[in-house]
Amino acid sequence: MGDSTDLEKTGTFNVSELRMGNTCPDCEGRGQLHIDSENINEKFEVEKQTVITQCPRCRGTGQLPTS
């Protein structure tokens, strides 16, 4: 184990490849955005919710390519 064909077959990866690039400033490297929102329902009650979505800037990786 050690050549590239073994890595492709087993699905393992090199950890150093994960941190190539710069941390995305929008999601702070998490790869997802947490958006808090408040709505008022028909009974005039405030409903709070958190929407979690993939970061559009880094496409969920948490890293931006180096330029």
PDB file of N, CA and C in Angstrom:
ATOM      1  N   MET A   1       0.849  -1.182   0.000  1.00  0.00           N
ATOM      2  CA  MET A   1       0.000   0.000   0.000  1.00  0.00           C
ATOM      3  C   MET A   1       0.886   1.233   0.000  1.00  0.00           C
ATOM      4  N   GLY A   2       0.598   2.167  -0.821  1.00  0.00           N
ATOM      5  CA  GLY A   2       1.411   3.345  -0.859  1.00  0.00           C
ATOM      6  C   GLY A   2       1.433   4.008  -2.215  1.00  0.00           C
ATOM      7  N   ASP A   3       1.196   3.208  -3.256  1.00  0.00           N
ATOM      8  CA  ASP A   3       1.140   3.863  -4.553  1.00  0.00           C
ATOM      9  C   ASP A   3      -0.281   4.357  -4.829  1.00  0.00           C
ATOM     10  N   SER A   4      -0.442   5.140  -5.858  1.00  0.00           N
ATOM     11  CA  SER A   4      -1.719   5.802  -6.109  1.00  0.00           C
ATOM     12  C   SER A   4      -2.839   4.822  -6.451  1.00  0.00           C
ATOM     13  N   THR A   5      -2.526   3.666  -7.031  1.00  0.00           N
ATOM     14  CA  THR A   5      -3.586   2.726  -7.379  1.00  0.00           C
ATOM     15  C   THR A   5      -4.193   2.109  -6.129  1.00  0.00           C
ATOM     16  N   ASP A   6      -3.390   1.839  -5.113  1.00  0.00           N
ATOM     17  CA  ASP A   6      -3.920   1.319  -3.856  1.00  0.00           C
ATOM     18  C   ASP A   6      -4.831   2.350  -3.193  1.00  0.00           C
ATOM     19  N   LEU A   7      -4.456   3.612  -3.243  1.00  0.00           N
ATOM     20  CA  LEU A   7      -5.261   4.654  -2.619  1.00  0.00           C
ATOM     21  C   LEU A   7      -6.606   4.789  -3.318  1.00  0.00           C
ATOM     22  N   GLU A   8      -6.626   4.652  -4.631  1.00  0.00           N
ATOM     23  CA  GLU A   8      -7.881   4.754  -5.367  1.00  0.00           C
ATOM     24  C   GLU A   8      -8.795   3.575  -5.062  1.00  0.00           C
ATOM     25  N   LYS A   9      -8.224   2.376  -4.901  1.00  0.00           N
ATOM     26  CA  LYS A   9      -9.033   1.191  -4.661  1.00  0.00           C
ATOM     27  C   LYS A   9      -9.629   1.176  -3.254  1.00  0.00           C
ATOM     28  N   THR A  10      -8.885   1.624  -2.263  1.00  0.00           N
ATOM     29  CA  THR A  10      -9.352   1.536  -0.884  1.00  0.00           C
ATOM     30  C   THR A  10     -10.177   2.736  -0.456  1.00  0.00           C
ATOM     31  N   GLY A  11     -10.104   3.832  -1.190  1.00  0.00           N
ATOM     32  CA  GLY A  11     -10.854   5.017  -0.821  1.00  0.00           C
ATOM     33  C   GLY A  11     -10.158   5.857   0.228  1.00  0.00           C
ATOM     34  N   THR A  12      -8.923   5.521   0.575  1.00  0.00           N
ATOM     35  CA  THR A  12      -8.188   6.320   1.538  1.00  0.00           C
ATOM     36  C   THR A  12      -7.642   7.563   0.852  1.00  0.00           C
ATOM     37  N   PHE A  13      -7.236   8.507   1.636  1.00  0.00           N
ATOM     38  CA  PHE A  13      -6.728   9.752   1.083  1.00  0.00           C
ATOM     39  C   PHE A  13      -5.622  10.276   1.959  1.00  0.00           C
ATOM     40  N   ASN A  14      -4.888  11.196   1.438  1.00  0.00           N
ATOM     41  CA  ASN A  14      -3.800  11.826   2.154  1.00  0.00           C
ATOM     42  C   ASN A  14      -4.342  13.022   2.915  1.00  0.00           C
ATOM     43  N   VAL A  15      -4.152  13.045   4.216  1.00  0.00           N
ATOM     44  CA  VAL A  15      -4.698  14.111   5.050  1.00  0.00           C
ATOM     45  C   VAL A  15      -4.143  15.472   4.650  1.00  0.00           C
ATOM     46  N   SER A  16      -2.919  15.531   4.185  1.00  0.00           N
ATOM     47  CA  SER A  16      -2.337  16.812   3.798  1.00  0.00           C
ATOM     48  C   SER A  16      -3.077  17.441   2.618  1.00  0.00           C
ATOM     49  N   GLU A  17      -3.766  16.624   1.813  1.00  0.00           N
ATOM     50  CA  GLU A  17      -4.524  17.153   0.688  1.00  0.00           C
ATOM     51  C   GLU A  17      -5.788  17.873   1.128  1.00  0.00           C
ATOM     52  N   LEU A  18      -6.252  17.626   2.337  1.00  0.00           N
ATOM     53  CA  LEU A  18      -7.476  18.259   2.813  1.00  0.00           C
ATOM     54  C   LEU A  18      -7.305  19.750   3.067  1.00  0.00           C
ATOM     55  N   ARG A  19      -6.162  20.175   3.458  1.00  0.00           N
ATOM     56  CA  ARG A  19      -5.942  21.566   3.831  1.00  0.00           C
ATOM     57  C   ARG A  19      -5.165  22.345   2.782  1.00  0.00           C
ATOM     58  N   MET A  20      -5.335  21.992   1.539  1.00  0.00           N
ATOM     59  CA  MET A  20      -4.702  22.748   0.468  1.00  0.00           C
ATOM     60  C   MET A  20      -5.574  23.962   0.184  1.00  0.00           C
ATOM     61  N   GLY A  21      -5.003  25.136   0.209  1.00  0.00           N
ATOM     62  CA  GLY A  21      -5.768  26.338  -0.069  1.00  0.00           C
ATOM     63  C   GLY A  21      -5.972  27.160   1.181  1.00  0.00           C
ATOM     64  N   ASN A  22      -6.828  28.139   1.060  1.00  0.00           N
ATOM     65  CA  ASN A  22      -7.103  29.056   2.156  1.00  0.00           C
ATOM     66  C   ASN A  22      -8.459  28.742   2.753  1.00  0.00           C
ATOM     67  N   THR A  23      -8.606  28.964   4.038  1.00  0.00           N
ATOM     68  CA  THR A  23      -9.877  28.755   4.704  1.00  0.00           C
ATOM     69  C   THR A  23     -10.896  29.758   4.177  1.00  0.00           C
ATOM     70  N   CYS A  24     -12.080  29.290   3.885  1.00  0.00           N
ATOM     71  CA  CYS A  24     -13.142  30.144   3.356  1.00  0.00           C
ATOM     72  C   CYS A  24     -13.591  31.127   4.445  1.00  0.00           C
ATOM     73  N   PRO A  25     -13.560  32.422   4.171  1.00  0.00           N
ATOM     74  CA  PRO A  25     -13.957  33.399   5.186  1.00  0.00           C
ATOM     75  C   PRO A  25     -15.463  33.433   5.433  1.00  0.00           C
ATOM     76  N   ASP A  26     -16.261  33.004   4.478  1.00  0.00           N
ATOM     77  CA  ASP A  26     -17.716  33.038   4.655  1.00  0.00           C
ATOM     78  C   ASP A  26     -18.205  32.010   5.669  1.00  0.00           C
ATOM     79  N   CYS A  27     -17.671  30.792   5.586  1.00  0.00           N
ATOM     80  CA  CYS A  27     -18.123  29.722   6.487  1.00  0.00           C
ATOM     81  C   CYS A  27     -17.089  29.381   7.550  1.00  0.00           C
ATOM     82  N   GLU A  28     -15.955  30.071   7.546  1.00  0.00           N
ATOM     83  CA  GLU A  28     -14.866  29.854   8.504  1.00  0.00           C
ATOM     84  C   GLU A  28     -14.336  28.420   8.462  1.00  0.00           C
ATOM     85  N   GLY A  29     -14.337  27.820   7.277  1.00  0.00           N
ATOM     86  CA  GLY A  29     -13.780  26.491   7.094  1.00  0.00           C
ATOM     87  C   GLY A  29     -14.716  25.346   7.424  1.00  0.00           C
ATOM     88  N   ARG A  30     -15.963  25.633   7.793  1.00  0.00           N
ATOM     89  CA  ARG A  30     -16.914  24.568   8.134  1.00  0.00           C
ATOM     90  C   ARG A  30     -17.564  23.940   6.910  1.00  0.00           C
ATOM     91  N   GLY A  31     -17.673  24.723   5.817  1.00  0.00           N
ATOM     92  CA  GLY A  31     -18.306  24.203   4.606  1.00  0.00           C
ATOM     93  C   GLY A  31     -19.808  24.403   4.577  1.00  0.00           C
ATOM     94  N   GLN A  32     -20.361  24.963   5.621  1.00  0.00           N
ATOM     95  CA  GLN A  32     -21.797  25.201   5.665  1.00  0.00           C
ATOM     96  C   GLN A  32     -22.103  26.520   6.360  1.00  0.00           C
ATOM     97  N   LEU A  33     -23.226  27.096   5.982  1.00  0.00           N
ATOM     98  CA  LEU A  33     -23.668  28.346   6.575  1.00  0.00           C
ATOM     99  C   LEU A  33     -24.868  28.083   7.471  1.00  0.00           C
ATOM    100  N   HIS A  34     -24.899  28.752   8.616  1.00  0.00           N
ATOM    101  CA  HIS A  34     -26.022  28.668   9.537  1.00  0.00           C
ATOM    102  C   HIS A  34     -26.724  30.018   9.500  1.00  0.00           C
ATOM    103  N   ILE A  35     -27.963  30.028   9.050  1.00  0.00           N
ATOM    104  CA  ILE A  35     -28.721  31.262   8.921  1.00  0.00           C
ATOM    105  C   ILE A  35     -29.878  31.220   9.900  1.00  0.00           C
ATOM    106  N   ASP A  36     -29.863  32.136  10.862  1.00  0.00           N
ATOM    107  CA  ASP A  36     -30.944  32.224  11.843  1.00  0.00           C
ATOM    108  C   ASP A  36     -32.048  33.108  11.286  1.00  0.00           C
ATOM    109  N   SER A  37     -33.288  32.686  11.464  1.00  0.00           N
ATOM    110  CA  SER A  37     -34.400  33.489  10.983  1.00  0.00           C
ATOM    111  C   SER A  37     -35.532  33.459  12.004  1.00  0.00           C
ATOM    112  N   GLU A  38     -36.347  34.488  11.962  1.00  0.00           N
ATOM    113  CA  GLU A  38     -37.520  34.587  12.815  1.00  0.00           C
ATOM    114  C   GLU A  38     -38.728  34.888  11.950  1.00  0.00           C
ATOM    115  N   ASN A  39     -39.805  34.189  12.207  1.00  0.00           N
ATOM    116  CA  ASN A  39     -41.058  34.412  11.491  1.00  0.00           C
ATOM    117  C   ASN A  39     -42.165  34.617  12.506  1.00  0.00           C
ATOM    118  N   ILE A  40     -43.166  35.368  12.136  1.00  0.00           N
ATOM    119  CA  ILE A  40     -44.335  35.553  12.983  1.00  0.00           C
ATOM    120  C   ILE A  40     -45.470  34.773  12.335  1.00  0.00           C
ATOM    121  N   ASN A  41     -46.056  33.837  13.096  1.00  0.00           N
ATOM    122  CA  ASN A  41     -47.124  33.016  12.538  1.00  0.00           C
ATOM    123  C   ASN A  41     -48.473  33.728  12.657  1.00  0.00           C
ATOM    124  N   GLU A  42     -49.534  33.038  12.252  1.00  0.00           N
ATOM    125  CA  GLU A  42     -50.870  33.644  12.259  1.00  0.00           C
ATOM    126  C   GLU A  42     -51.404  33.945  13.656  1.00  0.00           C
ATOM    127  N   LYS A  43     -50.792  33.356  14.672  1.00  0.00           N
ATOM    128  CA  LYS A  43     -51.181  33.650  16.066  1.00  0.00           C
ATOM    129  C   LYS A  43     -50.286  34.714  16.682  1.00  0.00           C
ATOM    130  N   PHE A  44     -49.495  35.376  15.844  1.00  0.00           N
ATOM    131  CA  PHE A  44     -48.554  36.429  16.241  1.00  0.00           C
ATOM    132  C   PHE A  44     -47.499  35.924  17.228  1.00  0.00           C
ATOM    133  N   GLU A  45     -47.126  34.674  17.061  1.00  0.00           N
ATOM    134  CA  GLU A  45     -46.057  34.090  17.851  1.00  0.00           C
ATOM    135  C   GLU A  45     -44.783  34.115  17.013  1.00  0.00           C
ATOM    136  N   VAL A  46     -43.675  34.357  17.666  1.00  0.00           N
ATOM    137  CA  VAL A  46     -42.396  34.385  16.965  1.00  0.00           C
ATOM    138  C   VAL A  46     -41.846  32.961  16.897  1.00  0.00           C
ATOM    139  N   GLU A  47     -41.584  32.515  15.688  1.00  0.00           N
ATOM    140  CA  GLU A  47     -40.990  31.199  15.473  1.00  0.00           C
ATOM    141  C   GLU A  47     -39.558  31.403  15.019  1.00  0.00           C
ATOM    142  N   LYS A  48     -38.624  30.798  15.726  1.00  0.00           N
ATOM    143  CA  LYS A  48     -37.207  30.908  15.375  1.00  0.00           C
ATOM    144  C   LYS A  48     -36.756  29.591  14.775  1.00  0.00           C
ATOM    145  N   GLN A  49     -35.916  29.692  13.750  1.00  0.00           N
ATOM    146  CA  GLN A  49     -35.351  28.491  13.150  1.00  0.00           C
ATOM    147  C   GLN A  49     -33.976  28.802  12.599  1.00  0.00           C
ATOM    148  N   THR A  50     -33.179  27.758  12.495  1.00  0.00           N
ATOM    149  CA  THR A  50     -31.849  27.871  11.904  1.00  0.00           C
ATOM    150  C   THR A  50     -31.813  27.028  10.643  1.00  0.00           C
ATOM    151  N   VAL A  51     -31.476  27.663   9.543  1.00  0.00           N
ATOM    152  CA  VAL A  51     -31.354  26.971   8.257  1.00  0.00           C
ATOM    153  C   VAL A  51     -29.875  26.696   8.034  1.00  0.00           C
ATOM    154  N   ILE A  52     -29.537  25.440   7.761  1.00  0.00           N
ATOM    155  CA  ILE A  52     -28.152  25.050   7.494  1.00  0.00           C
ATOM    156  C   ILE A  52     -28.056  24.695   6.015  1.00  0.00           C
ATOM    157  N   THR A  53     -27.132  25.365   5.331  1.00  0.00           N
ATOM    158  CA  THR A  53     -26.974  25.149   3.900  1.00  0.00           C
ATOM    159  C   THR A  53     -25.494  25.095   3.531  1.00  0.00           C
ATOM    160  N   GLN A  54     -25.214  24.491   2.412  1.00  0.00           N
ATOM    161  CA  GLN A  54     -23.836  24.411   1.916  1.00  0.00           C
ATOM    162  C   GLN A  54     -23.352  25.799   1.540  1.00  0.00           C
ATOM    163  N   CYS A  55     -22.122  26.086   1.869  1.00  0.00           N
ATOM    164  CA  CYS A  55     -21.529  27.386   1.539  1.00  0.00           C
ATOM    165  C   CYS A  55     -21.360  27.487   0.025  1.00  0.00           C
ATOM    166  N   PRO A  56     -21.933  28.516  -0.612  1.00  0.00           N
ATOM    167  CA  PRO A  56     -21.811  28.627  -2.065  1.00  0.00           C
ATOM    168  C   PRO A  56     -20.420  29.081  -2.529  1.00  0.00           C
ATOM    169  N   ARG A  57     -19.688  29.763  -1.672  1.00  0.00           N
ATOM    170  CA  ARG A  57     -18.379  30.272  -2.080  1.00  0.00           C
ATOM    171  C   ARG A  57     -17.349  29.152  -2.226  1.00  0.00           C
ATOM    172  N   CYS A  58     -17.319  28.239  -1.260  1.00  0.00           N
ATOM    173  CA  CYS A  58     -16.330  27.147  -1.306  1.00  0.00           C
ATOM    174  C   CYS A  58     -16.955  25.823  -1.734  1.00  0.00           C
ATOM    175  N   ARG A  59     -18.238  25.822  -2.014  1.00  0.00           N
ATOM    176  CA  ARG A  59     -18.988  24.624  -2.424  1.00  0.00           C
ATOM    177  C   ARG A  59     -18.917  23.502  -1.393  1.00  0.00           C
ATOM    178  N   GLY A  60     -18.938  23.887  -0.116  1.00  0.00           N
ATOM    179  CA  GLY A  60     -18.998  22.909   0.956  1.00  0.00           C
ATOM    180  C   GLY A  60     -17.682  22.312   1.382  1.00  0.00           C
ATOM    181  N   THR A  61     -16.580  22.749   0.811  1.00  0.00           N
ATOM    182  CA  THR A  61     -15.285  22.166   1.168  1.00  0.00           C
ATOM    183  C   THR A  61     -14.643  22.859   2.358  1.00  0.00           C
ATOM    184  N   GLY A  62     -14.991  24.120   2.582  1.00  0.00           N
ATOM    185  CA  GLY A  62     -14.362  24.880   3.658  1.00  0.00           C
ATOM    186  C   GLY A  62     -13.044  25.515   3.260  1.00  0.00           C
ATOM    187  N   GLN A  63     -12.586  25.228   2.044  1.00  0.00           N
ATOM    188  CA  GLN A  63     -11.301  25.741   1.565  1.00  0.00           C
ATOM    189  C   GLN A  63     -11.485  26.413   0.218  1.00  0.00           C
ATOM    190  N   LEU A  64     -10.735  27.493   0.000  1.00  0.00           N
ATOM    191  CA  LEU A  64     -10.685  28.164  -1.287  1.00  0.00           C
ATOM    192  C   LEU A  64      -9.385  27.782  -1.972  1.00  0.00           C
ATOM    193  N   PRO A  65      -9.398  27.614  -3.270  1.00  0.00           N
ATOM    194  CA  PRO A  65      -8.154  27.261  -3.959  1.00  0.00           C
ATOM    195  C   PRO A  65      -7.142  28.391  -3.857  1.00  0.00           C
ATOM    196  N   THR A  66      -5.887  28.023  -3.789  1.00  0.00           N
ATOM    197  CA  THR A  66      -4.833  29.035  -3.746  1.00  0.00           C
ATOM    198  C   THR A  66      -4.710  29.660  -5.115  1.00  0.00           C
ATOM    199  N   SER A  67      -4.457  30.961  -5.103  1.00  0.00           N
ATOM    200  CA  SER A  67      -4.347  31.632  -6.402  1.00  0.00           C
ATOM    201  C   SER A  67      -3.033  32.345  -6.536  1.00  0.00           C
TER     202      SER A  67
END
